[in-house]
ModelCIF file with pLDDT and N, C-alpha, C, O atoms, coordinates in Angstrom:
data_MODEL
#
_entry.id   MODEL 
#
_entity.id                         1 
_entity.type                       polymer 
_entity.pdbx_number_of_molecules   1 
#
_entity_poly.entity_id                      1 
_entity_poly.type                           'polypeptide(L)' 
_entity_poly.nstd_linkage                   no 
_entity_poly.nstd_monomer                   no 
_entity_poly.pdbx_seq_one_letter_code       FKIRLDIVDNKVVIADNGTGVYSDDIKSLFTIFFTKKTRGGRGVGLHL 
_entity_poly.pdbx_seq_one_letter_code_can   FKIRLDIVDNKVVIADNGTGVYSDDIKSLFTIFFTKKTRGGRGVGLHL 
_entity_poly.pdbx_strand_id                 A 
#
loop_
_entity_poly_seq.entity_id 
_entity_poly_seq.num 
_entity_poly_seq.mon_id 
_entity_poly_seq.hetero 
1 1  PHE n 
1 2  LYS n 
1 3  ILE n 
1 4  ARG n 
1 5  LEU n 
1 6  ASP n 
1 7  ILE n 
1 8  VAL n 
1 9  ASP n 
1 10 ASN n 
1 11 LYS n 
1 12 VAL n 
1 13 VAL n 
1 14 ILE n 
1 15 ALA n 
1 16 ASP n 
1 17 ASN n 
1 18 GLY n 
1 19 THR n 
1 20 GLY n 
1 21 VAL n 
1 22 TYR n 
1 23 SER n 
1 24 ASP n 
1 25 ASP n 
1 26 ILE n 
1 27 LYS n 
1 28 SER n 
1 29 LEU n 
1 30 PHE n 
1 31 THR n 
1 32 ILE n 
1 33 PHE n 
1 34 PHE n 
1 35 THR n 
1 36 LYS n 
1 37 LYS n 
1 38 THR n 
1 39 ARG n 
1 40 GLY n 
1 41 GLY n 
1 42 ARG n 
1 43 GLY n 
1 44 VAL n 
1 45 GLY n 
1 46 LEU n 
1 47 HIS n 
1 48 LEU n 
#
_struct_asym.id          A 
_struct_asym.entity_id   1 
#
loop_
_ma_qa_metric.id 
_ma_qa_metric.mode 
_ma_qa_metric.name 
_ma_qa_metric.software_group_id 
_ma_qa_metric.type 
1 global pLDDT . pLDDT 
2 local  pLDDT . pLDDT 
#
_ma_qa_metric_global.metric_id      1 
_ma_qa_metric_global.metric_value   90.79 
_ma_qa_metric_global.model_id       1 
_ma_qa_metric_global.ordinal_id     1 
#
loop_
_ma_qa_metric_local.label_asym_id 
_ma_qa_metric_local.label_comp_id 
_ma_qa_metric_local.label_seq_id 
_ma_qa_metric_local.metric_id 
_ma_qa_metric_local.metric_value 
_ma_qa_metric_local.model_id 
_ma_qa_metric_local.ordinal_id 
A PHE 1  2 92.00 1 1  
A LYS 2  2 95.00 1 2  
A ILE 3  2 97.00 1 3  
A ARG 4  2 97.00 1 4  
A LEU 5  2 96.00 1 5  
A ASP 6  2 95.00 1 6  
A ILE 7  2 93.00 1 7  
A VAL 8  2 92.00 1 8  
A ASP 9  2 89.00 1 9  
A ASN 10 2 90.00 1 10 
A LYS 11 2 93.00 1 11 
A VAL 12 2 95.00 1 12 
A VAL 13 2 97.00 1 13 
A ILE 14 2 98.00 1 14 
A ALA 15 2 97.00 1 15 
A ASP 16 2 96.00 1 16 
A ASN 17 2 95.00 1 17 
A GLY 18 2 92.00 1 18 
A THR 19 2 90.00 1 19 
A GLY 20 2 92.00 1 20 
A VAL 21 2 93.00 1 21 
A TYR 22 2 93.00 1 22 
A SER 23 2 93.00 1 23 
A ASP 24 2 94.00 1 24 
A ASP 25 2 94.00 1 25 
A ILE 26 2 94.00 1 26 
A LYS 27 2 95.00 1 27 
A SER 28 2 95.00 1 28 
A LEU 29 2 95.00 1 29 
A PHE 30 2 95.00 1 30 
A THR 31 2 94.00 1 31 
A ILE 32 2 94.00 1 32 
A PHE 33 2 91.00 1 33 
A PHE 34 2 84.00 1 34 
A THR 35 2 86.00 1 35 
A LYS 36 2 80.00 1 36 
A LYS 37 2 77.00 1 37 
A THR 38 2 70.00 1 38 
A ARG 39 2 75.00 1 39 
A GLY 40 2 73.00 1 40 
A GLY 41 2 77.00 1 41 
A ARG 42 2 83.00 1 42 
A GLY 43 2 84.00 1 43 
A VAL 44 2 91.00 1 44 
A GLY 45 2 91.00 1 45 
A LEU 46 2 95.00 1 46 
A HIS 47 2 96.00 1 47 
A LEU 48 2 95.00 1 48 
#
loop_
_atom_site.group_PDB 
_atom_site.id 
_atom_site.type_symbol 
_atom_site.label_atom_id 
_atom_site.label_alt_id 
_atom_site.label_comp_id 
_atom_site.label_asym_id 
_atom_site.label_entity_id 
_atom_site.label_seq_id 
_atom_site.pdbx_PDB_ins_code 
_atom_site.Cartn_x 
_atom_site.Cartn_y 
_atom_site.Cartn_z 
_atom_site.occupancy 
_atom_site.B_iso_or_equiv 
_atom_site.pdbx_formal_charge 
_atom_site.auth_seq_id 
_atom_site.auth_comp_id 
_atom_site.auth_asym_id 
_atom_site.auth_atom_id 
_atom_site.pdbx_PDB_model_num 
ATOM 1   N N  . PHE A 1 1  ? -25.402 -65.952 -60.188 1.00 92.00 ? 1  PHE A N  1 
ATOM 2   C CA . PHE A 1 1  ? -26.752 -65.414 -60.344 1.00 92.00 ? 1  PHE A CA 1 
ATOM 3   C C  . PHE A 1 1  ? -26.678 -64.124 -61.141 1.00 92.00 ? 1  PHE A C  1 
ATOM 4   O O  . PHE A 1 1  ? -25.919 -63.218 -60.800 1.00 92.00 ? 1  PHE A O  1 
ATOM 5   N N  . LYS A 1 2  ? -27.474 -64.044 -62.210 1.00 95.00 ? 2  LYS A N  1 
ATOM 6   C CA . LYS A 1 2  ? -27.508 -62.826 -63.020 1.00 95.00 ? 2  LYS A CA 1 
ATOM 7   C C  . LYS A 1 2  ? -28.939 -62.366 -63.212 1.00 95.00 ? 2  LYS A C  1 
ATOM 8   O O  . LYS A 1 2  ? -29.813 -63.139 -63.604 1.00 95.00 ? 2  LYS A O  1 
ATOM 9   N N  . ILE A 1 3  ? -29.158 -61.098 -62.930 1.00 97.00 ? 3  ILE A N  1 
ATOM 10  C CA . ILE A 1 3  ? -30.410 -60.428 -63.264 1.00 97.00 ? 3  ILE A CA 1 
ATOM 11  C C  . ILE A 1 3  ? -30.005 -59.129 -63.936 1.00 97.00 ? 3  ILE A C  1 
ATOM 12  O O  . ILE A 1 3  ? -29.159 -58.394 -63.426 1.00 97.00 ? 3  ILE A O  1 
ATOM 13  N N  . ARG A 1 4  ? -30.602 -58.853 -65.062 1.00 97.00 ? 4  ARG A N  1 
ATOM 14  C CA . ARG A 1 4  ? -30.213 -57.658 -65.818 1.00 97.00 ? 4  ARG A CA 1 
ATOM 15  C C  . ARG A 1 4  ? -31.451 -56.887 -66.239 1.00 97.00 ? 4  ARG A C  1 
ATOM 16  O O  . ARG A 1 4  ? -32.416 -57.459 -66.747 1.00 97.00 ? 4  ARG A O  1 
ATOM 17  N N  . LEU A 1 5  ? -31.409 -55.588 -66.021 1.00 96.00 ? 5  LEU A N  1 
ATOM 18  C CA . LEU A 1 5  ? -32.428 -54.674 -66.514 1.00 96.00 ? 5  LEU A CA 1 
ATOM 19  C C  . LEU A 1 5  ? -31.767 -53.832 -67.585 1.00 96.00 ? 5  LEU A C  1 
ATOM 20  O O  . LEU A 1 5  ? -30.696 -53.268 -67.364 1.00 96.00 ? 5  LEU A O  1 
ATOM 21  N N  . ASP A 1 6  ? -32.397 -53.745 -68.738 1.00 95.00 ? 6  ASP A N  1 
ATOM 22  C CA . ASP A 1 6  ? -31.778 -53.038 -69.854 1.00 95.00 ? 6  ASP A CA 1 
ATOM 23  C C  . ASP A 1 6  ? -32.863 -52.401 -70.713 1.00 95.00 ? 6  ASP A C  1 
ATOM 24  O O  . ASP A 1 6  ? -34.045 -52.727 -70.600 1.00 95.00 ? 6  ASP A O  1 
ATOM 25  N N  . ILE A 1 7  ? -32.434 -51.492 -71.565 1.00 93.00 ? 7  ILE A N  1 
ATOM 26  C CA . ILE A 1 7  ? -33.309 -50.864 -72.547 1.00 93.00 ? 7  ILE A CA 1 
ATOM 27  C C  . ILE A 1 7  ? -32.871 -51.365 -73.920 1.00 93.00 ? 7  ILE A C  1 
ATOM 28  O O  . ILE A 1 7  ? -31.717 -51.193 -74.312 1.00 93.00 ? 7  ILE A O  1 
ATOM 29  N N  . VAL A 1 8  ? -33.799 -51.986 -74.648 1.00 92.00 ? 8  VAL A N  1 
ATOM 30  C CA . VAL A 1 8  ? -33.527 -52.476 -75.988 1.00 92.00 ? 8  VAL A CA 1 
ATOM 31  C C  . VAL A 1 8  ? -34.661 -51.989 -76.884 1.00 92.00 ? 8  VAL A C  1 
ATOM 32  O O  . VAL A 1 8  ? -35.831 -52.288 -76.642 1.00 92.00 ? 8  VAL A O  1 
ATOM 33  N N  . ASP A 1 9  ? -34.304 -51.244 -77.908 1.00 89.00 ? 9  ASP A N  1 
ATOM 34  C CA . ASP A 1 9  ? -35.317 -50.715 -78.845 1.00 89.00 ? 9  ASP A CA 1 
ATOM 35  C C  . ASP A 1 9  ? -36.450 -49.999 -78.118 1.00 89.00 ? 9  ASP A C  1 
ATOM 36  O O  . ASP A 1 9  ? -37.623 -50.193 -78.438 1.00 89.00 ? 9  ASP A O  1 
ATOM 37  N N  . ASN A 1 10 ? -36.092 -49.174 -77.144 1.00 90.00 ? 10 ASN A N  1 
ATOM 38  C CA . ASN A 1 10 ? -37.037 -48.367 -76.367 1.00 90.00 ? 10 ASN A CA 1 
ATOM 39  C C  . ASN A 1 10 ? -38.010 -49.225 -75.538 1.00 90.00 ? 10 ASN A C  1 
ATOM 40  O O  . ASN A 1 10 ? -39.105 -48.781 -75.192 1.00 90.00 ? 10 ASN A O  1 
ATOM 41  N N  . LYS A 1 11 ? -37.594 -50.446 -75.233 1.00 93.00 ? 11 LYS A N  1 
ATOM 42  C CA . LYS A 1 11 ? -38.372 -51.348 -74.387 1.00 93.00 ? 11 LYS A CA 1 
ATOM 43  C C  . LYS A 1 11 ? -37.509 -51.737 -73.196 1.00 93.00 ? 11 LYS A C  1 
ATOM 44  O O  . LYS A 1 11 ? -36.292 -51.867 -73.325 1.00 93.00 ? 11 LYS A O  1 
ATOM 45  N N  . VAL A 1 12 ? -38.132 -51.924 -72.041 1.00 95.00 ? 12 VAL A N  1 
ATOM 46  C CA . VAL A 1 12 ? -37.404 -52.344 -70.851 1.00 95.00 ? 12 VAL A CA 1 
ATOM 47  C C  . VAL A 1 12 ? -37.397 -53.871 -70.821 1.00 95.00 ? 12 VAL A C  1 
ATOM 48  O O  . VAL A 1 12 ? -38.447 -54.505 -70.928 1.00 95.00 ? 12 VAL A O  1 
ATOM 49  N N  . VAL A 1 13 ? -36.213 -54.452 -70.676 1.00 97.00 ? 13 VAL A N  1 
ATOM 50  C CA . VAL A 1 13 ? -36.071 -55.901 -70.594 1.00 97.00 ? 13 VAL A CA 1 
ATOM 51  C C  . VAL A 1 13 ? -35.566 -56.260 -69.205 1.00 97.00 ? 13 VAL A C  1 
ATOM 52  O O  . VAL A 1 13 ? -34.555 -55.728 -68.748 1.00 97.00 ? 13 VAL A O  1 
ATOM 53  N N  . ILE A 1 14 ? -36.279 -57.169 -68.533 1.00 98.00 ? 14 ILE A N  1 
ATOM 54  C CA . ILE A 1 14 ? -35.862 -57.695 -67.238 1.00 98.00 ? 14 ILE A CA 1 
ATOM 55  C C  . ILE A 1 14 ? -35.554 -59.162 -67.483 1.00 98.00 ? 14 ILE A C  1 
ATOM 56  O O  . ILE A 1 14 ? -36.449 -59.943 -67.804 1.00 98.00 ? 14 ILE A O  1 
ATOM 57  N N  . ALA A 1 15 ? -34.290 -59.537 -67.332 1.00 97.00 ? 15 ALA A N  1 
ATOM 58  C CA . ALA A 1 15 ? -33.849 -60.877 -67.704 1.00 97.00 ? 15 ALA A CA 1 
ATOM 59  C C  . ALA A 1 15 ? -33.053 -61.511 -66.572 1.00 97.00 ? 15 ALA A C  1 
ATOM 60  O O  . ALA A 1 15 ? -32.504 -60.822 -65.712 1.00 97.00 ? 15 ALA A O  1 
ATOM 61  N N  . ASP A 1 16 ? -33.004 -62.845 -66.593 1.00 96.00 ? 16 ASP A N  1 
ATOM 62  C CA . ASP A 1 16 ? -32.186 -63.563 -65.615 1.00 96.00 ? 16 ASP A CA 1 
ATOM 63  C C  . ASP A 1 16 ? -31.578 -64.792 -66.278 1.00 96.00 ? 16 ASP A C  1 
ATOM 64  O O  . ASP A 1 16 ? -31.908 -65.134 -67.414 1.00 96.00 ? 16 ASP A O  1 
ATOM 65  N N  . ASN A 1 17 ? -30.690 -65.443 -65.550 1.00 95.00 ? 17 ASN A N  1 
ATOM 66  C CA . ASN A 1 17 ? -30.091 -66.677 -66.056 1.00 95.00 ? 17 ASN A CA 1 
ATOM 67  C C  . ASN A 1 17 ? -30.628 -67.889 -65.300 1.00 95.00 ? 17 ASN A C  1 
ATOM 68  O O  . ASN A 1 17 ? -29.913 -68.869 -65.088 1.00 95.00 ? 17 ASN A O  1 
ATOM 69  N N  . GLY A 1 18 ? -31.882 -67.812 -64.900 1.00 92.00 ? 18 GLY A N  1 
ATOM 70  C CA . GLY A 1 18 ? -32.538 -68.920 -64.213 1.00 92.00 ? 18 GLY A CA 1 
ATOM 71  C C  . GLY A 1 18 ? -33.024 -69.973 -65.180 1.00 92.00 ? 18 GLY A C  1 
ATOM 72  O O  . GLY A 1 18 ? -32.471 -70.141 -66.267 1.00 92.00 ? 18 GLY A O  1 
ATOM 73  N N  . THR A 1 19 ? -34.061 -70.681 -64.776 1.00 90.00 ? 19 THR A N  1 
ATOM 74  C CA . THR A 1 19 ? -34.557 -71.812 -65.559 1.00 90.00 ? 19 THR A CA 1 
ATOM 75  C C  . THR A 1 19 ? -35.318 -71.415 -66.810 1.00 90.00 ? 19 THR A C  1 
ATOM 76  O O  . THR A 1 19 ? -35.484 -72.233 -67.714 1.00 90.00 ? 19 THR A O  1 
ATOM 77  N N  . GLY A 1 20 ? -35.780 -70.185 -66.878 1.00 92.00 ? 20 GLY A N  1 
ATOM 78  C CA . GLY A 1 20 ? -36.586 -69.766 -68.024 1.00 92.00 ? 20 GLY A CA 1 
ATOM 79  C C  . GLY A 1 20 ? -37.984 -70.355 -67.951 1.00 92.00 ? 20 GLY A C  1 
ATOM 80  O O  . GLY A 1 20 ? -38.358 -70.962 -66.947 1.00 92.00 ? 20 GLY A O  1 
ATOM 81  N N  . VAL A 1 21 ? -38.742 -70.177 -68.998 1.00 93.00 ? 21 VAL A N  1 
ATOM 82  C CA . VAL A 1 21 ? -40.130 -70.648 -69.054 1.00 93.00 ? 21 VAL A CA 1 
ATOM 83  C C  . VAL A 1 21 ? -40.240 -71.668 -70.179 1.00 93.00 ? 21 VAL A C  1 
ATOM 84  O O  . VAL A 1 21 ? -39.765 -71.433 -71.290 1.00 93.00 ? 21 VAL A O  1 
ATOM 85  N N  . TYR A 1 22 ? -40.868 -72.802 -69.885 1.00 93.00 ? 22 TYR A N  1 
ATOM 86  C CA . TYR A 1 22 ? -41.094 -73.810 -70.919 1.00 93.00 ? 22 TYR A CA 1 
ATOM 87  C C  . TYR A 1 22 ? -42.027 -73.235 -71.979 1.00 93.00 ? 22 TYR A C  1 
ATOM 88  O O  . TYR A 1 22 ? -42.974 -72.514 -71.663 1.00 93.00 ? 22 TYR A O  1 
ATOM 89  N N  . SER A 1 23 ? -41.753 -73.559 -73.222 1.00 93.00 ? 23 SER A N  1 
ATOM 90  C CA . SER A 1 23 ? -42.533 -72.982 -74.321 1.00 93.00 ? 23 SER A CA 1 
ATOM 91  C C  . SER A 1 23 ? -44.033 -73.268 -74.180 1.00 93.00 ? 23 SER A C  1 
ATOM 92  O O  . SER A 1 23 ? -44.852 -72.434 -74.565 1.00 93.00 ? 23 SER A O  1 
ATOM 93  N N  . ASP A 1 24 ? -44.400 -74.418 -73.639 1.00 94.00 ? 24 ASP A N  1 
ATOM 94  C CA . ASP A 1 24 ? -45.822 -74.736 -73.458 1.00 94.00 ? 24 ASP A CA 1 
ATOM 95  C C  . ASP A 1 24 ? -46.493 -73.843 -72.426 1.00 94.00 ? 24 ASP A C  1 
ATOM 96  O O  . ASP A 1 24 ? -47.716 -73.698 -72.436 1.00 94.00 ? 24 ASP A O  1 
ATOM 97  N N  . ASP A 1 25 ? -45.702 -73.235 -71.525 1.00 94.00 ? 25 ASP A N  1 
ATOM 98  C CA . ASP A 1 25 ? -46.255 -72.414 -70.447 1.00 94.00 ? 25 ASP A CA 1 
ATOM 99  C C  . ASP A 1 25 ? -46.358 -70.932 -70.787 1.00 94.00 ? 25 ASP A C  1 
ATOM 100 O O  . ASP A 1 25 ? -47.023 -70.185 -70.069 1.00 94.00 ? 25 ASP A O  1 
ATOM 101 N N  . ILE A 1 26 ? -45.724 -70.498 -71.852 1.00 94.00 ? 26 ILE A N  1 
ATOM 102 C CA . ILE A 1 26 ? -45.674 -69.070 -72.172 1.00 94.00 ? 26 ILE A CA 1 
ATOM 103 C C  . ILE A 1 26 ? -47.070 -68.475 -72.336 1.00 94.00 ? 26 ILE A C  1 
ATOM 104 O O  . ILE A 1 26 ? -47.330 -67.368 -71.863 1.00 94.00 ? 26 ILE A O  1 
ATOM 105 N N  . LYS A 1 27 ? -47.955 -69.189 -72.992 1.00 95.00 ? 27 LYS A N  1 
ATOM 106 C CA . LYS A 1 27 ? -49.309 -68.657 -73.243 1.00 95.00 ? 27 LYS A CA 1 
ATOM 107 C C  . LYS A 1 27 ? -50.108 -68.479 -71.951 1.00 95.00 ? 27 LYS A C  1 
ATOM 108 O O  . LYS A 1 27 ? -51.072 -67.714 -71.932 1.00 95.00 ? 27 LYS A O  1 
ATOM 109 N N  . SER A 1 28 ? -49.729 -69.166 -70.876 1.00 95.00 ? 28 SER A N  1 
ATOM 110 C CA . SER A 1 28 ? -50.474 -69.106 -69.610 1.00 95.00 ? 28 SER A CA 1 
ATOM 111 C C  . SER A 1 28 ? -49.835 -68.211 -68.559 1.00 95.00 ? 28 SER A C  1 
ATOM 112 O O  . SER A 1 28 ? -50.409 -68.015 -67.487 1.00 95.00 ? 28 SER A O  1 
ATOM 113 N N  . LEU A 1 29 ? -48.669 -67.669 -68.842 1.00 95.00 ? 29 LEU A N  1 
ATOM 114 C CA . LEU A 1 29 ? -47.899 -66.928 -67.829 1.00 95.00 ? 29 LEU A CA 1 
ATOM 115 C C  . LEU A 1 29 ? -48.684 -65.844 -67.108 1.00 95.00 ? 29 LEU A C  1 
ATOM 116 O O  . LEU A 1 29 ? -48.542 -65.685 -65.895 1.00 95.00 ? 29 LEU A O  1 
ATOM 117 N N  . PHE A 1 30 ? -49.496 -65.108 -67.818 1.00 95.00 ? 30 PHE A N  1 
ATOM 118 C CA . PHE A 1 30 ? -50.188 -63.962 -67.237 1.00 95.00 ? 30 PHE A CA 1 
ATOM 119 C C  . PHE A 1 30 ? -51.628 -64.299 -66.819 1.00 95.00 ? 30 PHE A C  1 
ATOM 120 O O  . PHE A 1 30 ? -52.407 -63.415 -66.460 1.00 95.00 ? 30 PHE A O  1 
ATOM 121 N N  . THR A 1 31 ? -51.957 -65.579 -66.874 1.00 94.00 ? 31 THR A N  1 
ATOM 122 C CA . THR A 1 31 ? -53.284 -66.040 -66.454 1.00 94.00 ? 31 THR A CA 1 
ATOM 123 C C  . THR A 1 31 ? -53.328 -66.131 -64.935 1.00 94.00 ? 31 THR A C  1 
ATOM 124 O O  . THR A 1 31 ? -52.405 -66.654 -64.310 1.00 94.00 ? 31 THR A O  1 
ATOM 125 N N  . ILE A 1 32 ? -54.400 -65.622 -64.348 1.00 94.00 ? 32 ILE A N  1 
ATOM 126 C CA . ILE A 1 32 ? -54.512 -65.647 -62.894 1.00 94.00 ? 32 ILE A CA 1 
ATOM 127 C C  . ILE A 1 32 ? -54.500 -67.090 -62.386 1.00 94.00 ? 32 ILE A C  1 
ATOM 128 O O  . ILE A 1 32 ? -55.121 -67.977 -62.971 1.00 94.00 ? 32 ILE A O  1 
ATOM 129 N N  . PHE A 1 33 ? -53.789 -67.298 -61.301 1.00 91.00 ? 33 PHE A N  1 
ATOM 130 C CA . PHE A 1 33 ? -53.616 -68.582 -60.603 1.00 91.00 ? 33 PHE A CA 1 
ATOM 131 C C  . PHE A 1 33 ? -52.714 -69.570 -61.330 1.00 91.00 ? 33 PHE A C  1 
ATOM 132 O O  . PHE A 1 33 ? -52.616 -70.723 -60.910 1.00 91.00 ? 33 PHE A O  1 
ATOM 133 N N  . PHE A 1 34 ? -52.056 -69.158 -62.403 1.00 84.00 ? 34 PHE A N  1 
ATOM 134 C CA . PHE A 1 34 ? -51.095 -70.034 -63.067 1.00 84.00 ? 34 PHE A CA 1 
ATOM 135 C C  . PHE A 1 34 ? -49.743 -69.893 -62.364 1.00 84.00 ? 34 PHE A C  1 
ATOM 136 O O  . PHE A 1 34 ? -49.207 -68.790 -62.260 1.00 84.00 ? 34 PHE A O  1 
ATOM 137 N N  . THR A 1 35 ? -49.202 -70.997 -61.889 1.00 86.00 ? 35 THR A N  1 
ATOM 138 C CA . THR A 1 35 ? -47.879 -70.981 -61.269 1.00 86.00 ? 35 THR A CA 1 
ATOM 139 C C  . THR A 1 35 ? -47.195 -72.318 -61.473 1.00 86.00 ? 35 THR A C  1 
ATOM 140 O O  . THR A 1 35 ? -47.851 -73.354 -61.587 1.00 86.00 ? 35 THR A O  1 
ATOM 141 N N  . LYS A 1 36 ? -45.888 -72.289 -61.517 1.00 80.00 ? 36 LYS A N  1 
ATOM 142 C CA . LYS A 1 36 ? -45.065 -73.496 -61.558 1.00 80.00 ? 36 LYS A CA 1 
ATOM 143 C C  . LYS A 1 36 ? -44.185 -73.592 -60.310 1.00 80.00 ? 36 LYS A C  1 
ATOM 144 O O  . LYS A 1 36 ? -43.399 -74.528 -60.166 1.00 80.00 ? 36 LYS A O  1 
ATOM 145 N N  . LYS A 1 37 ? -44.324 -72.618 -59.415 1.00 77.00 ? 37 LYS A N  1 
ATOM 146 C CA . LYS A 1 37 ? -43.527 -72.625 -58.188 1.00 77.00 ? 37 LYS A CA 1 
ATOM 147 C C  . LYS A 1 37 ? -43.978 -73.764 -57.288 1.00 77.00 ? 37 LYS A C  1 
ATOM 148 O O  . LYS A 1 37 ? -45.172 -74.025 -57.141 1.00 77.00 ? 37 LYS A O  1 
ATOM 149 N N  . THR A 1 38 ? -43.004 -74.436 -56.690 1.00 70.00 ? 38 THR A N  1 
ATOM 150 C CA . THR A 1 38 ? -43.338 -75.532 -55.786 1.00 70.00 ? 38 THR A CA 1 
ATOM 151 C C  . THR A 1 38 ? -43.661 -75.023 -54.384 1.00 70.00 ? 38 THR A C  1 
ATOM 152 O O  . THR A 1 38 ? -44.295 -75.726 -53.597 1.00 70.00 ? 38 THR A O  1 
ATOM 153 N N  . ARG A 1 39 ? -43.228 -73.811 -54.073 1.00 75.00 ? 39 ARG A N  1 
ATOM 154 C CA . ARG A 1 39 ? -43.555 -73.205 -52.791 1.00 75.00 ? 39 ARG A CA 1 
ATOM 155 C C  . ARG A 1 39 ? -43.617 -71.691 -52.947 1.00 75.00 ? 39 ARG A C  1 
ATOM 156 O O  . ARG A 1 39 ? -42.828 -71.099 -53.683 1.00 75.00 ? 39 ARG A O  1 
ATOM 157 N N  . GLY A 1 40 ? -44.559 -71.078 -52.252 1.00 73.00 ? 40 GLY A N  1 
ATOM 158 C CA . GLY A 1 40 ? -44.644 -69.629 -52.237 1.00 73.00 ? 40 GLY A CA 1 
ATOM 159 C C  . GLY A 1 40 ? -45.330 -68.986 -53.427 1.00 73.00 ? 40 GLY A C  1 
ATOM 160 O O  . GLY A 1 40 ? -45.412 -67.760 -53.500 1.00 73.00 ? 40 GLY A O  1 
ATOM 161 N N  . GLY A 1 41 ? -45.819 -69.778 -54.352 1.00 77.00 ? 41 GLY A N  1 
ATOM 162 C CA . GLY A 1 41 ? -46.459 -69.202 -55.533 1.00 77.00 ? 41 GLY A CA 1 
ATOM 163 C C  . GLY A 1 41 ? -47.966 -69.328 -55.485 1.00 77.00 ? 41 GLY A C  1 
ATOM 164 O O  . GLY A 1 41 ? -48.508 -70.381 -55.148 1.00 77.00 ? 41 GLY A O  1 
ATOM 165 N N  . ARG A 1 42 ? -48.632 -68.245 -55.825 1.00 83.00 ? 42 ARG A N  1 
ATOM 166 C CA . ARG A 1 42 ? -50.095 -68.277 -55.868 1.00 83.00 ? 42 ARG A CA 1 
ATOM 167 C C  . ARG A 1 42 ? -50.627 -68.024 -57.280 1.00 83.00 ? 42 ARG A C  1 
ATOM 168 O O  . ARG A 1 42 ? -51.816 -68.203 -57.543 1.00 83.00 ? 42 ARG A O  1 
ATOM 169 N N  . GLY A 1 43 ? -49.742 -67.608 -58.178 1.00 84.00 ? 43 GLY A N  1 
ATOM 170 C CA . GLY A 1 43 ? -50.170 -67.409 -59.552 1.00 84.00 ? 43 GLY A CA 1 
ATOM 171 C C  . GLY A 1 43 ? -50.911 -66.107 -59.804 1.00 84.00 ? 43 GLY A C  1 
ATOM 172 O O  . GLY A 1 43 ? -51.725 -66.028 -60.724 1.00 84.00 ? 43 GLY A O  1 
ATOM 173 N N  . VAL A 1 44 ? -50.644 -65.087 -59.005 1.00 91.00 ? 44 VAL A N  1 
ATOM 174 C CA . VAL A 1 44 ? -51.305 -63.803 -59.242 1.00 91.00 ? 44 VAL A CA 1 
ATOM 175 C C  . VAL A 1 44 ? -50.328 -62.697 -59.625 1.00 91.00 ? 44 VAL A C  1 
ATOM 176 O O  . VAL A 1 44 ? -50.750 -61.673 -60.162 1.00 91.00 ? 44 VAL A O  1 
ATOM 177 N N  . GLY A 1 45 ? -49.048 -62.875 -59.367 1.00 91.00 ? 45 GLY A N  1 
ATOM 178 C CA . GLY A 1 45 ? -48.054 -61.816 -59.580 1.00 91.00 ? 45 GLY A CA 1 
ATOM 179 C C  . GLY A 1 45 ? -47.978 -61.303 -61.008 1.00 91.00 ? 45 GLY A C  1 
ATOM 180 O O  . GLY A 1 45 ? -48.096 -60.100 -61.242 1.00 91.00 ? 45 GLY A O  1 
ATOM 181 N N  . LEU A 1 46 ? -47.783 -62.197 -61.960 1.00 95.00 ? 46 LEU A N  1 
ATOM 182 C CA . LEU A 1 46 ? -47.661 -61.752 -63.352 1.00 95.00 ? 46 LEU A CA 1 
ATOM 183 C C  . LEU A 1 46 ? -48.989 -61.235 -63.886 1.00 95.00 ? 46 LEU A C  1 
ATOM 184 O O  . LEU A 1 46 ? -49.023 -60.316 -64.704 1.00 95.00 ? 46 LEU A O  1 
ATOM 185 N N  . HIS A 1 47 ? -50.071 -61.823 -63.424 1.00 96.00 ? 47 HIS A N  1 
ATOM 186 C CA . HIS A 1 47 ? -51.393 -61.326 -63.817 1.00 96.00 ? 47 HIS A CA 1 
ATOM 187 C C  . HIS A 1 47 ? -51.559 -59.868 -63.368 1.00 96.00 ? 47 HIS A C  1 
ATOM 188 O O  . HIS A 1 47 ? -52.013 -59.020 -64.136 1.00 96.00 ? 47 HIS A O  1 
ATOM 189 N N  . LEU A 1 48 ? -51.186 -59.593 -62.120 1.00 95.00 ? 48 LEU A N  1 
ATOM 190 C CA . LEU A 1 48 ? -51.289 -58.220 -61.604 1.00 95.00 ? 48 LEU A CA 1 
ATOM 191 C C  . LEU A 1 48 ? -50.306 -57.281 -62.289 1.00 95.00 ? 48 LEU A C  1 
ATOM 192 O O  . LEU A 1 48 ? -50.263 -56.092 -61.971 1.00 95.00 ? 48 LEU A O  1 
#
């Protein structure tokens, strides 16, 4: 399991080696109630 917080070009990057996000889902990531979690997800975290 890898999670890394880093500074790149004066930006904070929070990265992991998990499944990543499907390209079709990127545009919806920050939309309220959007989730791909099978359990425990309500789709408000990234929106907030």
